[in-house]
């Protein structure tokens, strides 16, 4: 079973995505900010991480920098899911090593397609 970590400080997004991906057959972990995500990543190695950028404590940029510097996490796929929609934000996110960047508001259907596509690439 593929593991997904969803990191977002908006409870509605966390709950709806957790439900959607569990229903689609994934093992799902959730974190409300980057600090919580880093704690989970000490014990779990997800196949894919859906990561918000603007969060309290540790933001998405600092979180992906940690992920990309950890040897056991280097194969994790990362999708930024953020309200930051300027070209410079997208370039920064991709430059830090994200595999995809989606802006809010987003289509759940498109997000699921993106997740499936990235996980197939990884296989």
PDB file of N, CA and C in Angstrom:
ATOM      1  N   UNK A   1       0.846  -1.191   0.000  1.00  0.00           N
ATOM      2  CA  UNK A   1       0.000   0.000   0.000  1.00  0.00           C
ATOM      3  C   UNK A   1       0.888   1.251   0.000  1.00  0.00           C
ATOM      4  N   UNK A   2       0.603   2.159  -0.905  1.00  0.00           N
ATOM      5  CA  UNK A   2       1.386   3.388  -0.999  1.00  0.00           C
ATOM      6  C   UNK A   2       1.035   4.320   0.150  1.00  0.00           C
ATOM      7  N   UNK A   3       2.068   4.990   0.682  1.00  0.00           N
ATOM      8  CA  UNK A   3       1.880   5.911   1.807  1.00  0.00           C
ATOM      9  C   UNK A   3       1.959   7.354   1.315  1.00  0.00           C
ATOM     10  N   UNK A   4       1.025   8.167   1.799  1.00  0.00           N
ATOM     11  CA  UNK A   4       0.994   9.592   1.463  1.00  0.00           C
ATOM     12  C   UNK A   4       0.980  10.395   2.753  1.00  0.00           C
ATOM     13  N   UNK A   5       1.804  11.424   2.810  1.00  0.00           N
ATOM     14  CA  UNK A   5       1.781  12.374   3.922  1.00  0.00           C
ATOM     15  C   UNK A   5       1.188  13.674   3.395  1.00  0.00           C
ATOM     16  N   UNK A   6       0.131  14.151   4.062  1.00  0.00           N
ATOM     17  CA  UNK A   6      -0.506  15.413   3.681  1.00  0.00           C
ATOM     18  C   UNK A   6      -0.182  16.434   4.761  1.00  0.00           C
ATOM     19  N   UNK A   7       0.421  17.549   4.346  1.00  0.00           N
ATOM     20  CA  UNK A   7       0.843  18.582   5.298  1.00  0.00           C
ATOM     21  C   UNK A   7       0.150  19.894   4.944  1.00  0.00           C
ATOM     22  N   UNK A   8      -0.766  20.326   5.803  1.00  0.00           N
ATOM     23  CA  UNK A   8      -1.492  21.574   5.547  1.00  0.00           C
ATOM     24  C   UNK A   8      -2.055  22.081   6.863  1.00  0.00           C
ATOM     25  N   UNK A   9      -2.089  23.389   7.049  1.00  0.00           N
ATOM     26  CA  UNK A   9      -2.626  23.948   8.297  1.00  0.00           C
ATOM     27  C   UNK A   9      -4.119  24.248   8.211  1.00  0.00           C
ATOM     28  N   UNK A  10      -4.747  23.933   7.081  1.00  0.00           N
ATOM     29  CA  UNK A  10      -6.190  24.145   6.944  1.00  0.00           C
ATOM     30  C   UNK A  10      -6.920  22.825   7.211  1.00  0.00           C
ATOM     31  N   UNK A  11      -7.655  22.731   8.335  1.00  0.00           N
ATOM     32  CA  UNK A  11      -8.308  21.470   8.709  1.00  0.00           C
ATOM     33  C   UNK A  11      -9.228  20.898   7.629  1.00  0.00           C
ATOM     34  N   UNK A  12      -9.967  21.770   6.915  1.00  0.00           N
ATOM     35  CA  UNK A  12     -10.887  21.264   5.887  1.00  0.00           C
ATOM     36  C   UNK A  12     -10.146  20.561   4.756  1.00  0.00           C
ATOM     37  N   UNK A  13      -9.006  21.112   4.364  1.00  0.00           N
ATOM     38  CA  UNK A  13      -8.209  20.486   3.308  1.00  0.00           C
ATOM     39  C   UNK A  13      -7.658  19.152   3.807  1.00  0.00           C
ATOM     40  N   UNK A  14      -7.104  19.156   5.014  1.00  0.00           N
ATOM     41  CA  UNK A  14      -6.563  17.915   5.583  1.00  0.00           C
ATOM     42  C   UNK A  14      -7.622  16.826   5.631  1.00  0.00           C
ATOM     43  N   UNK A  15      -8.787  17.150   6.175  1.00  0.00           N
ATOM     44  CA  UNK A  15      -9.832  16.138   6.354  1.00  0.00           C
ATOM     45  C   UNK A  15     -10.336  15.619   5.017  1.00  0.00           C
ATOM     46  N   UNK A  16     -10.582  16.514   4.061  1.00  0.00           N
ATOM     47  CA  UNK A  16     -11.136  16.054   2.785  1.00  0.00           C
ATOM     48  C   UNK A  16     -10.104  15.233   2.001  1.00  0.00           C
ATOM     49  N   UNK A  17      -8.838  15.666   2.022  1.00  0.00           N
ATOM     50  CA  UNK A  17      -7.822  14.896   1.297  1.00  0.00           C
ATOM     51  C   UNK A  17      -7.527  13.568   1.985  1.00  0.00           C
ATOM     52  N   UNK A  18      -7.506  13.567   3.310  1.00  0.00           N
ATOM     53  CA  UNK A  18      -7.280  12.313   4.033  1.00  0.00           C
ATOM     54  C   UNK A  18      -8.372  11.311   3.661  1.00  0.00           C
ATOM     55  N   UNK A  19      -9.626  11.750   3.697  1.00  0.00           N
ATOM     56  CA  UNK A  19     -10.760  10.885   3.349  1.00  0.00           C
ATOM     57  C   UNK A  19     -10.642  10.388   1.902  1.00  0.00           C
ATOM     58  N   UNK A  20     -10.384  11.309   0.986  1.00  0.00           N
ATOM     59  CA  UNK A  20     -10.308  10.973  -0.437  1.00  0.00           C
ATOM     60  C   UNK A  20      -9.217   9.947  -0.720  1.00  0.00           C
ATOM     61  N   UNK A  21      -8.020  10.165  -0.168  1.00  0.00           N
ATOM     62  CA  UNK A  21      -6.920   9.244  -0.469  1.00  0.00           C
ATOM     63  C   UNK A  21      -7.075   7.910   0.255  1.00  0.00           C
ATOM     64  N   UNK A  22      -7.626   7.904   1.467  1.00  0.00           N
ATOM     65  CA  UNK A  22      -7.905   6.620   2.145  1.00  0.00           C
ATOM     66  C   UNK A  22      -8.898   5.803   1.322  1.00  0.00           C
ATOM     67  N   UNK A  23      -9.940   6.496   0.832  1.00  0.00           N
ATOM     68  CA  UNK A  23     -10.973   5.844   0.029  1.00  0.00           C
ATOM     69  C   UNK A  23     -10.356   5.270  -1.261  1.00  0.00           C
ATOM     70  N   UNK A  24      -9.311   5.922  -1.760  1.00  0.00           N
ATOM     71  CA  UNK A  24      -8.641   5.473  -2.988  1.00  0.00           C
ATOM     72  C   UNK A  24      -7.597   4.384  -2.714  1.00  0.00           C
ATOM     73  N   UNK A  25      -7.478   3.962  -1.448  1.00  0.00           N
ATOM     74  CA  UNK A  25      -6.612   2.835  -1.134  1.00  0.00           C
ATOM     75  C   UNK A  25      -5.200   3.168  -0.673  1.00  0.00           C
ATOM     76  N   UNK A  26      -4.970   4.407  -0.270  1.00  0.00           N
ATOM     77  CA  UNK A  26      -3.647   4.802   0.224  1.00  0.00           C
ATOM     78  C   UNK A  26      -3.612   4.770   1.744  1.00  0.00           C
ATOM     79  N   UNK A  27      -2.415   4.556   2.292  1.00  0.00           N
ATOM     80  CA  UNK A  27      -2.213   4.751   3.724  1.00  0.00           C
ATOM     81  C   UNK A  27      -1.869   6.227   3.890  1.00  0.00           C
ATOM     82  N   UNK A  28      -2.612   6.940   4.737  1.00  0.00           N
ATOM     83  CA  UNK A  28      -2.483   8.395   4.813  1.00  0.00           C
ATOM     84  C   UNK A  28      -2.023   8.846   6.200  1.00  0.00           C
ATOM     85  N   UNK A  29      -1.057   9.742   6.202  1.00  0.00           N
ATOM     86  CA  UNK A  29      -0.605  10.404   7.427  1.00  0.00           C
ATOM     87  C   UNK A  29      -0.898  11.881   7.250  1.00  0.00           C
ATOM     88  N   UNK A  30      -1.250  12.572   8.331  1.00  0.00           N
ATOM     89  CA  UNK A  30      -1.498  14.010   8.217  1.00  0.00           C
ATOM     90  C   UNK A  30      -0.675  14.780   9.240  1.00  0.00           C
ATOM     91  N   UNK A  31      -0.291  15.988   8.829  1.00  0.00           N
ATOM     92  CA  UNK A  31       0.439  16.896   9.716  1.00  0.00           C
ATOM     93  C   UNK A  31      -0.132  18.292   9.515  1.00  0.00           C
ATOM     94  N   UNK A  32      -0.239  19.031  10.615  1.00  0.00           N
ATOM     95  CA  UNK A  32      -0.825  20.377  10.551  1.00  0.00           C
ATOM     96  C   UNK A  32       0.187  21.484  10.282  1.00  0.00           C
ATOM     97  N   UNK A  33       1.472  21.124  10.280  1.00  0.00           N
ATOM     98  CA  UNK A  33       2.512  22.103   9.925  1.00  0.00           C
ATOM     99  C   UNK A  33       3.802  21.342   9.638  1.00  0.00           C
ATOM    100  N   UNK A  34       4.820  22.071   9.220  1.00  0.00           N
ATOM    101  CA  UNK A  34       6.081  21.434   8.859  1.00  0.00           C
ATOM    102  C   UNK A  34       6.751  20.731  10.032  1.00  0.00           C
ATOM    103  N   UNK A  35       6.602  21.284  11.232  1.00  0.00           N
ATOM    104  CA  UNK A  35       7.210  20.673  12.420  1.00  0.00           C
ATOM    105  C   UNK A  35       6.632  19.273  12.658  1.00  0.00           C
ATOM    106  N   UNK A  36       5.304  19.181  12.575  1.00  0.00           N
ATOM    107  CA  UNK A  36       4.644  17.877  12.733  1.00  0.00           C
ATOM    108  C   UNK A  36       5.072  16.922  11.616  1.00  0.00           C
ATOM    109  N   UNK A  37       5.188  17.450  10.406  1.00  0.00           N
ATOM    110  CA  UNK A  37       5.610  16.619   9.266  1.00  0.00           C
ATOM    111  C   UNK A  37       6.996  16.036   9.525  1.00  0.00           C
ATOM    112  N   UNK A  38       7.914  16.872  10.018  1.00  0.00           N
ATOM    113  CA  UNK A  38       9.281  16.404  10.265  1.00  0.00           C
ATOM    114  C   UNK A  38       9.297  15.325  11.348  1.00  0.00           C
ATOM    115  N   UNK A  39       8.400  15.439  12.340  1.00  0.00           N
ATOM    116  CA  UNK A  39       8.305  14.403  13.381  1.00  0.00           C
ATOM    117  C   UNK A  39       7.831  13.078  12.773  1.00  0.00           C
ATOM    118  N   UNK A  40       6.829  13.150  11.905  1.00  0.00           N
ATOM    119  CA  UNK A  40       6.323  11.937  11.249  1.00  0.00           C
ATOM    120  C   UNK A  40       7.414  11.314  10.373  1.00  0.00           C
ATOM    121  N   UNK A  41       8.180  12.167   9.689  1.00  0.00           N
ATOM    122  CA  UNK A  41       9.215  11.671   8.778  1.00  0.00           C
ATOM    123  C   UNK A  41      10.388  11.011   9.501  1.00  0.00           C
ATOM    124  N   UNK A  42      10.451  11.175  10.817  1.00  0.00           N
ATOM    125  CA  UNK A  42      11.472  10.458  11.599  1.00  0.00           C
ATOM    126  C   UNK A  42      11.146   8.969  11.664  1.00  0.00           C
ATOM    127  N   UNK A  43       9.854   8.628  11.554  1.00  0.00           N
ATOM    128  CA  UNK A  43       9.438   7.224  11.711  1.00  0.00           C
ATOM    129  C   UNK A  43       8.777   6.617  10.476  1.00  0.00           C
ATOM    130  N   UNK A  44       8.272   7.448   9.584  1.00  0.00           N
ATOM    131  CA  UNK A  44       7.602   6.953   8.381  1.00  0.00           C
ATOM    132  C   UNK A  44       8.308   7.484   7.137  1.00  0.00           C
ATOM    133  N   UNK A  45       8.360   6.650   6.104  1.00  0.00           N
ATOM    134  CA  UNK A  45       8.903   7.096   4.814  1.00  0.00           C
ATOM    135  C   UNK A  45       7.778   6.972   3.782  1.00  0.00           C
ATOM    136  N   UNK A  46       7.067   8.079   3.547  1.00  0.00           N
ATOM    137  CA  UNK A  46       5.966   8.017   2.578  1.00  0.00           C
ATOM    138  C   UNK A  46       6.493   7.954   1.146  1.00  0.00           C
ATOM    139  N   UNK A  47       5.649   7.483   0.244  1.00  0.00           N
ATOM    140  CA  UNK A  47       6.004   7.470  -1.170  1.00  0.00           C
ATOM    141  C   UNK A  47       5.837   8.868  -1.765  1.00  0.00           C
ATOM    142  N   UNK A  48       4.878   9.629  -1.184  1.00  0.00           N
ATOM    143  CA  UNK A  48       4.572  10.946  -1.728  1.00  0.00           C
ATOM    144  C   UNK A  48       4.126  11.873  -0.608  1.00  0.00           C
ATOM    145  N   UNK A  49       4.485  13.153  -0.742  1.00  0.00           N
ATOM    146  CA  UNK A  49       4.117  14.167   0.251  1.00  0.00           C
ATOM    147  C   UNK A  49       3.399  15.303  -0.468  1.00  0.00           C
ATOM    148  N   UNK A  50       2.211  15.642   0.038  1.00  0.00           N
ATOM    149  CA  UNK A  50       1.475  16.812  -0.451  1.00  0.00           C
ATOM    150  C   UNK A  50       1.731  17.896   0.581  1.00  0.00           C
ATOM    151  N   UNK A  51       2.336  18.991   0.138  1.00  0.00           N
ATOM    152  CA  UNK A  51       2.909  19.956   1.073  1.00  0.00           C
ATOM    153  C   UNK A  51       2.442  21.385   0.802  1.00  0.00           C
ATOM    154  N   UNK A  52       1.840  21.990   1.819  1.00  0.00           N
ATOM    155  CA  UNK A  52       1.480  23.413   1.753  1.00  0.00           C
ATOM    156  C   UNK A  52       2.757  24.222   1.997  1.00  0.00           C
ATOM    157  N   UNK A  53       2.754  25.480   1.617  1.00  0.00           N
ATOM    158  CA  UNK A  53       3.944  26.320   1.843  1.00  0.00           C
ATOM    159  C   UNK A  53       3.770  27.202   3.072  1.00  0.00           C
ATOM    160  N   UNK A  54       2.664  27.943   3.127  1.00  0.00           N
ATOM    161  CA  UNK A  54       2.478  28.903   4.219  1.00  0.00           C
ATOM    162  C   UNK A  54       1.834  28.212   5.421  1.00  0.00           C
ATOM    163  N   UNK A  55       2.684  27.867   6.405  1.00  0.00           N
ATOM    164  CA  UNK A  55       2.214  27.188   7.625  1.00  0.00           C
ATOM    165  C   UNK A  55       2.967  27.743   8.823  1.00  0.00           C
ATOM    166  N   UNK A  56       2.361  27.601  10.027  1.00  0.00           N
ATOM    167  CA  UNK A  56       3.081  28.036  11.229  1.00  0.00           C
ATOM    168  C   UNK A  56       4.263  27.116  11.544  1.00  0.00           C
ATOM    169  N   UNK A  57       5.116  27.556  12.422  1.00  0.00           N
ATOM    170  CA  UNK A  57       6.293  26.809  12.903  1.00  0.00           C
ATOM    171  C   UNK A  57       7.343  26.568  11.824  1.00  0.00           C
ATOM    172  N   UNK A  58       7.128  25.599  10.954  1.00  0.00           N
ATOM    173  CA  UNK A  58       8.090  25.310   9.878  1.00  0.00           C
ATOM    174  C   UNK A  58       7.315  25.353   8.564  1.00  0.00           C
ATOM    175  N   UNK A  59       7.725  26.221   7.635  1.00  0.00           N
ATOM    176  CA  UNK A  59       6.968  26.334   6.383  1.00  0.00           C
ATOM    177  C   UNK A  59       7.352  25.225   5.395  1.00  0.00           C
ATOM    178  N   UNK A  60       6.637  25.207   4.277  1.00  0.00           N
ATOM    179  CA  UNK A  60       6.848  24.167   3.275  1.00  0.00           C
ATOM    180  C   UNK A  60       8.227  24.205   2.645  1.00  0.00           C
ATOM    181  N   UNK A  61       8.782  25.414   2.475  1.00  0.00           N
ATOM    182  CA  UNK A  61      10.125  25.521   1.882  1.00  0.00           C
ATOM    183  C   UNK A  61      11.166  24.857   2.785  1.00  0.00           C
ATOM    184  N   UNK A  62      11.102  25.137   4.088  1.00  0.00           N
ATOM    185  CA  UNK A  62      12.058  24.530   5.026  1.00  0.00           C
ATOM    186  C   UNK A  62      11.838  23.023   5.109  1.00  0.00           C
ATOM    187  N   UNK A  63      10.582  22.607   5.009  1.00  0.00           N
ATOM    188  CA  UNK A  63      10.259  21.178   5.079  1.00  0.00           C
ATOM    189  C   UNK A  63      10.850  20.423   3.896  1.00  0.00           C
ATOM    190  N   UNK A  64      10.695  20.969   2.676  1.00  0.00           N
ATOM    191  CA  UNK A  64      11.234  20.256   1.508  1.00  0.00           C
ATOM    192  C   UNK A  64      12.768  20.256   1.534  1.00  0.00           C
ATOM    193  N   UNK A  65      13.367  21.307   2.068  1.00  0.00           N
ATOM    194  CA  UNK A  65      14.835  21.318   2.164  1.00  0.00           C
ATOM    195  C   UNK A  65      15.306  20.181   3.074  1.00  0.00           C
ATOM    196  N   UNK A  66      14.589  19.958   4.180  1.00  0.00           N
ATOM    197  CA  UNK A  66      14.915  18.847   5.071  1.00  0.00           C
ATOM    198  C   UNK A  66      14.752  17.515   4.329  1.00  0.00           C
ATOM    199  N   UNK A  67      13.619  17.355   3.643  1.00  0.00           N
ATOM    200  CA  UNK A  67      13.321  16.100   2.931  1.00  0.00           C
ATOM    201  C   UNK A  67      14.416  15.786   1.919  1.00  0.00           C
ATOM    202  N   UNK A  68      14.812  16.787   1.148  1.00  0.00           N
ATOM    203  CA  UNK A  68      15.783  16.559   0.073  1.00  0.00           C
ATOM    204  C   UNK A  68      17.191  16.294   0.607  1.00  0.00           C
ATOM    205  N   UNK A  69      17.437  16.619   1.884  1.00  0.00           N
ATOM    206  CA  UNK A  69      18.756  16.380   2.474  1.00  0.00           C
ATOM    207  C   UNK A  69      18.829  15.096   3.302  1.00  0.00           C
ATOM    208  N   UNK A  70      17.720  14.371   3.387  1.00  0.00           N
ATOM    209  CA  UNK A  70      17.688  13.120   4.148  1.00  0.00           C
ATOM    210  C   UNK A  70      17.805  11.949   3.172  1.00  0.00           C
ATOM    211  N   UNK A  71      18.877  11.164   3.265  1.00  0.00           N
ATOM    212  CA  UNK A  71      19.068  10.055   2.309  1.00  0.00           C
ATOM    213  C   UNK A  71      17.867   9.111   2.213  1.00  0.00           C
ATOM    214  N   UNK A  72      17.224   8.782   3.353  1.00  0.00           N
ATOM    215  CA  UNK A  72      16.120   7.823   3.284  1.00  0.00           C
ATOM    216  C   UNK A  72      14.852   8.428   2.684  1.00  0.00           C
ATOM    217  N   UNK A  73      14.810   9.756   2.528  1.00  0.00           N
ATOM    218  CA  UNK A  73      13.621  10.407   1.966  1.00  0.00           C
ATOM    219  C   UNK A  73      13.832  10.874   0.531  1.00  0.00           C
ATOM    220  N   UNK A  74      15.020  10.660  -0.019  1.00  0.00           N
ATOM    221  CA  UNK A  74      15.329  11.256  -1.323  1.00  0.00           C
ATOM    222  C   UNK A  74      14.436  10.751  -2.454  1.00  0.00           C
ATOM    223  N   UNK A  75      13.785   9.588  -2.259  1.00  0.00           N
ATOM    224  CA  UNK A  75      12.926   9.075  -3.330  1.00  0.00           C
ATOM    225  C   UNK A  75      11.465   9.480  -3.157  1.00  0.00           C
ATOM    226  N   UNK A  76      11.150  10.207  -2.074  1.00  0.00           N
ATOM    227  CA  UNK A  76       9.780  10.702  -1.865  1.00  0.00           C
ATOM    228  C   UNK A  76       9.442  11.712  -2.959  1.00  0.00           C
ATOM    229  N   UNK A  77       8.274  11.560  -3.532  1.00  0.00           N
ATOM    230  CA  UNK A  77       7.770  12.565  -4.462  1.00  0.00           C
ATOM    231  C   UNK A  77       7.107  13.667  -3.633  1.00  0.00           C
ATOM    232  N   UNK A  78       7.265  14.922  -4.069  1.00  0.00           N
ATOM    233  CA  UNK A  78       6.673  16.042  -3.330  1.00  0.00           C
ATOM    234  C   UNK A  78       5.829  16.896  -4.272  1.00  0.00           C
ATOM    235  N   UNK A  79       4.596  17.138  -3.862  1.00  0.00           N
ATOM    236  CA  UNK A  79       3.712  18.057  -4.592  1.00  0.00           C
ATOM    237  C   UNK A  79       3.445  19.247  -3.672  1.00  0.00           C
ATOM    238  N   UNK A  80       3.821  20.436  -4.122  1.00  0.00           N
ATOM    239  CA  UNK A  80       3.425  21.634  -3.377  1.00  0.00           C
ATOM    240  C   UNK A  80       1.977  21.932  -3.725  1.00  0.00           C
ATOM    241  N   UNK A  81       1.169  22.199  -2.694  1.00  0.00           N
ATOM    242  CA  UNK A  81      -0.219  22.586  -2.866  1.00  0.00           C
ATOM    243  C   UNK A  81      -0.371  23.890  -2.098  1.00  0.00           C
ATOM    244  N   UNK A  82      -0.383  24.997  -2.809  1.00  0.00           N
ATOM    245  CA  UNK A  82      -0.274  26.289  -2.130  1.00  0.00           C
ATOM    246  C   UNK A  82      -1.134  27.370  -2.773  1.00  0.00           C
ATOM    247  N   UNK A  83      -1.499  28.354  -1.955  1.00  0.00           N
ATOM    248  CA  UNK A  83      -2.196  29.538  -2.467  1.00  0.00           C
ATOM    249  C   UNK A  83      -1.199  30.489  -3.138  1.00  0.00           C
ATOM    250  N   UNK A  84       0.104  30.248  -2.931  1.00  0.00           N
ATOM    251  CA  UNK A  84       1.121  31.100  -3.554  1.00  0.00           C
ATOM    252  C   UNK A  84       1.175  30.738  -5.038  1.00  0.00           C
ATOM    253  N   UNK A  85       0.667  31.652  -5.885  1.00  0.00           N
ATOM    254  CA  UNK A  85       0.499  31.292  -7.284  1.00  0.00           C
ATOM    255  C   UNK A  85       1.299  32.151  -8.263  1.00  0.00           C
ATOM    256  N   UNK A  86       2.224  32.963  -7.746  1.00  0.00           N
ATOM    257  CA  UNK A  86       3.070  33.754  -8.653  1.00  0.00           C
ATOM    258  C   UNK A  86       4.083  32.842  -9.323  1.00  0.00           C
ATOM    259  N   UNK A  87       4.507  33.223 -10.517  1.00  0.00           N
ATOM    260  CA  UNK A  87       5.514  32.436 -11.243  1.00  0.00           C
ATOM    261  C   UNK A  87       6.772  32.246 -10.387  1.00  0.00           C
ATOM    262  N   UNK A  88       7.165  33.291  -9.637  1.00  0.00           N
ATOM    263  CA  UNK A  88       8.374  33.205  -8.804  1.00  0.00           C
ATOM    264  C   UNK A  88       8.198  32.185  -7.671  1.00  0.00           C
ATOM    265  N   UNK A  89       6.972  32.073  -7.122  1.00  0.00           N
ATOM    266  CA  UNK A  89       6.703  31.083  -6.073  1.00  0.00           C
ATOM    267  C   UNK A  89       6.829  29.665  -6.642  1.00  0.00           C
ATOM    268  N   UNK A  90       6.246  29.471  -7.819  1.00  0.00           N
ATOM    269  CA  UNK A  90       6.270  28.154  -8.465  1.00  0.00           C
ATOM    270  C   UNK A  90       7.713  27.776  -8.804  1.00  0.00           C
ATOM    271  N   UNK A  91       8.467  28.733  -9.349  1.00  0.00           N
ATOM    272  CA  UNK A  91       9.873  28.473  -9.686  1.00  0.00           C
ATOM    273  C   UNK A  91      10.674  28.121  -8.438  1.00  0.00           C
ATOM    274  N   UNK A  92      10.427  28.846  -7.337  1.00  0.00           N
ATOM    275  CA  UNK A  92      11.148  28.562  -6.094  1.00  0.00           C
ATOM    276  C   UNK A  92      10.825  27.149  -5.605  1.00  0.00           C
ATOM    277  N   UNK A  93       9.540  26.797  -5.618  1.00  0.00           N
ATOM    278  CA  UNK A  93       9.121  25.467  -5.171  1.00  0.00           C
ATOM    279  C   UNK A  93       9.740  24.358  -6.012  1.00  0.00           C
ATOM    280  N   UNK A  94       9.706  24.525  -7.318  1.00  0.00           N
ATOM    281  CA  UNK A  94      10.274  23.504  -8.207  1.00  0.00           C
ATOM    282  C   UNK A  94      11.799  23.474  -8.053  1.00  0.00           C
ATOM    283  N   UNK A  95      12.392  24.648  -7.849  1.00  0.00           N
ATOM    284  CA  UNK A  95      13.840  24.743  -7.675  1.00  0.00           C
ATOM    285  C   UNK A  95      14.334  24.039  -6.413  1.00  0.00           C
ATOM    286  N   UNK A  96      13.458  23.983  -5.397  1.00  0.00           N
ATOM    287  CA  UNK A  96      13.819  23.302  -4.153  1.00  0.00           C
ATOM    288  C   UNK A  96      13.642  21.785  -4.258  1.00  0.00           C
ATOM    289  N   UNK A  97      13.134  21.333  -5.401  1.00  0.00           N
ATOM    290  CA  UNK A  97      13.058  19.892  -5.620  1.00  0.00           C
ATOM    291  C   UNK A  97      11.660  19.299  -5.669  1.00  0.00           C
ATOM    292  N   UNK A  98      10.613  20.140  -5.718  1.00  0.00           N
ATOM    293  CA  UNK A  98       9.253  19.590  -5.825  1.00  0.00           C
ATOM    294  C   UNK A  98       9.090  18.899  -7.173  1.00  0.00           C
ATOM    295  N   UNK A  99       8.271  17.856  -7.189  1.00  0.00           N
ATOM    296  CA  UNK A  99       7.987  17.129  -8.429  1.00  0.00           C
ATOM    297  C   UNK A  99       6.812  17.753  -9.170  1.00  0.00           C
ATOM    298  N   UNK A 100       5.973  18.491  -8.440  1.00  0.00           N
ATOM    299  CA  UNK A 100       4.822  19.159  -9.042  1.00  0.00           C
ATOM    300  C   UNK A 100       4.408  20.308  -8.129  1.00  0.00           C
ATOM    301  N   UNK A 101       3.646  21.247  -8.705  1.00  0.00           N
ATOM    302  CA  UNK A 101       3.190  22.419  -7.952  1.00  0.00           C
ATOM    303  C   UNK A 101       1.763  22.699  -8.386  1.00  0.00           C
ATOM    304  N   UNK A 102       0.835  22.643  -7.451  1.00  0.00           N
ATOM    305  CA  UNK A 102      -0.567  22.949  -7.746  1.00  0.00           C
ATOM    306  C   UNK A 102      -1.006  24.118  -6.872  1.00  0.00           C
ATOM    307  N   UNK A 103      -1.815  24.982  -7.451  1.00  0.00           N
ATOM    308  CA  UNK A 103      -2.252  26.154  -6.691  1.00  0.00           C
ATOM    309  C   UNK A 103      -3.676  25.955  -6.164  1.00  0.00           C
ATOM    310  N   UNK A 104      -3.931  26.592  -5.014  1.00  0.00           N
ATOM    311  CA  UNK A 104      -5.272  26.603  -4.421  1.00  0.00           C
ATOM    312  C   UNK A 104      -6.016  27.804  -4.982  1.00  0.00           C
ATOM    313  N   UNK A 105      -7.319  27.719  -5.186  1.00  0.00           N
ATOM    314  CA  UNK A 105      -8.142  26.511  -5.028  1.00  0.00           C
ATOM    315  C   UNK A 105      -7.764  25.464  -6.081  1.00  0.00           C
ATOM    316  N   UNK A 106      -7.971  24.200  -5.754  1.00  0.00           N
ATOM    317  CA  UNK A 106      -7.508  23.136  -6.635  1.00  0.00           C
ATOM    318  C   UNK A 106      -8.623  22.133  -6.911  1.00  0.00           C
ATOM    319  N   UNK A 107      -8.443  21.368  -7.963  1.00  0.00           N
ATOM    320  CA  UNK A 107      -9.364  20.292  -8.313  1.00  0.00           C
ATOM    321  C   UNK A 107      -8.853  19.007  -7.663  1.00  0.00           C
ATOM    322  N   UNK A 108      -9.692  18.378  -6.841  1.00  0.00           N
ATOM    323  CA  UNK A 108      -9.306  17.131  -6.187  1.00  0.00           C
ATOM    324  C   UNK A 108      -9.011  16.071  -7.246  1.00  0.00           C
ATOM    325  N   UNK A 109      -9.817  16.063  -8.294  1.00  0.00           N
ATOM    326  CA  UNK A 109      -9.623  15.091  -9.382  1.00  0.00           C
ATOM    327  C   UNK A 109      -8.227  15.261 -10.008  1.00  0.00           C
ATOM    328  N   UNK A 110      -7.845  16.510 -10.279  1.00  0.00           N
ATOM    329  CA  UNK A 110      -6.517  16.762 -10.872  1.00  0.00           C
ATOM    330  C   UNK A 110      -5.400  16.381  -9.896  1.00  0.00           C
ATOM    331  N   UNK A 111      -5.615  16.646  -8.605  1.00  0.00           N
ATOM    332  CA  UNK A 111      -4.612  16.283  -7.606  1.00  0.00           C
ATOM    333  C   UNK A 111      -4.432  14.759  -7.561  1.00  0.00           C
ATOM    334  N   UNK A 112      -5.536  14.025  -7.572  1.00  0.00           N
ATOM    335  CA  UNK A 112      -5.451  12.556  -7.568  1.00  0.00           C
ATOM    336  C   UNK A 112      -4.707  12.071  -8.817  1.00  0.00           C
ATOM    337  N   UNK A 113      -5.024  12.657  -9.975  1.00  0.00           N
ATOM    338  CA  UNK A 113      -4.333  12.274 -11.220  1.00  0.00           C
ATOM    339  C   UNK A 113      -2.837  12.548 -11.113  1.00  0.00           C
ATOM    340  N   UNK A 114      -2.475  13.691 -10.527  1.00  0.00           N
ATOM    341  CA  UNK A 114      -1.063  14.056 -10.376  1.00  0.00           C
ATOM    342  C   UNK A 114      -0.362  13.062  -9.448  1.00  0.00           C
ATOM    343  N   UNK A 115      -1.009  12.704  -8.349  1.00  0.00           N
ATOM    344  CA  UNK A 115      -0.452  11.742  -7.395  1.00  0.00           C
ATOM    345  C   UNK A 115      -0.230  10.398  -8.085  1.00  0.00           C
ATOM    346  N   UNK A 116      -1.244   9.915  -8.792  1.00  0.00           N
ATOM    347  CA  UNK A 116      -1.129   8.617  -9.472  1.00  0.00           C
ATOM    348  C   UNK A 116      -0.011   8.637 -10.504  1.00  0.00           C
ATOM    349  N   UNK A 117       0.082   9.733 -11.234  1.00  0.00           N
ATOM    350  CA  UNK A 117       1.123   9.863 -12.255  1.00  0.00           C
ATOM    351  C   UNK A 117       2.522   9.826 -11.638  1.00  0.00           C
ATOM    352  N   UNK A 118       2.728  10.578 -10.561  1.00  0.00           N
ATOM    353  CA  UNK A 118       4.042  10.602  -9.915  1.00  0.00           C
ATOM    354  C   UNK A 118       4.392   9.246  -9.288  1.00  0.00           C
ATOM    355  N   UNK A 119       3.405   8.569  -8.726  1.00  0.00           N
ATOM    356  CA  UNK A 119       3.675   7.271  -8.108  1.00  0.00           C
ATOM    357  C   UNK A 119       3.976   6.210  -9.167  1.00  0.00           C
ATOM    358  N   UNK A 120       3.358   6.326 -10.344  1.00  0.00           N
ATOM    359  CA  UNK A 120       3.673   5.384 -11.435  1.00  0.00           C
ATOM    360  C   UNK A 120       5.091   5.616 -11.925  1.00  0.00           C
ATOM    361  N   UNK A 121       5.489   6.895 -12.028  1.00  0.00           N
ATOM    362  CA  UNK A 121       6.876   7.229 -12.431  1.00  0.00           C
ATOM    363  C   UNK A 121       7.874   6.589 -11.478  1.00  0.00           C
ATOM    364  N   UNK A 122       7.541   6.597 -10.184  1.00  0.00           N
ATOM    365  CA  UNK A 122       8.471   6.127  -9.155  1.00  0.00           C
ATOM    366  C   UNK A 122       8.639   4.606  -9.173  1.00  0.00           C
ATOM    367  N   UNK A 123       7.627   3.903  -9.697  1.00  0.00           N
ATOM    368  CA  UNK A 123       7.683   2.428  -9.671  1.00  0.00           C
ATOM    369  C   UNK A 123       8.706   1.823 -10.602  1.00  0.00           C
TER     370      UNK A 123
END
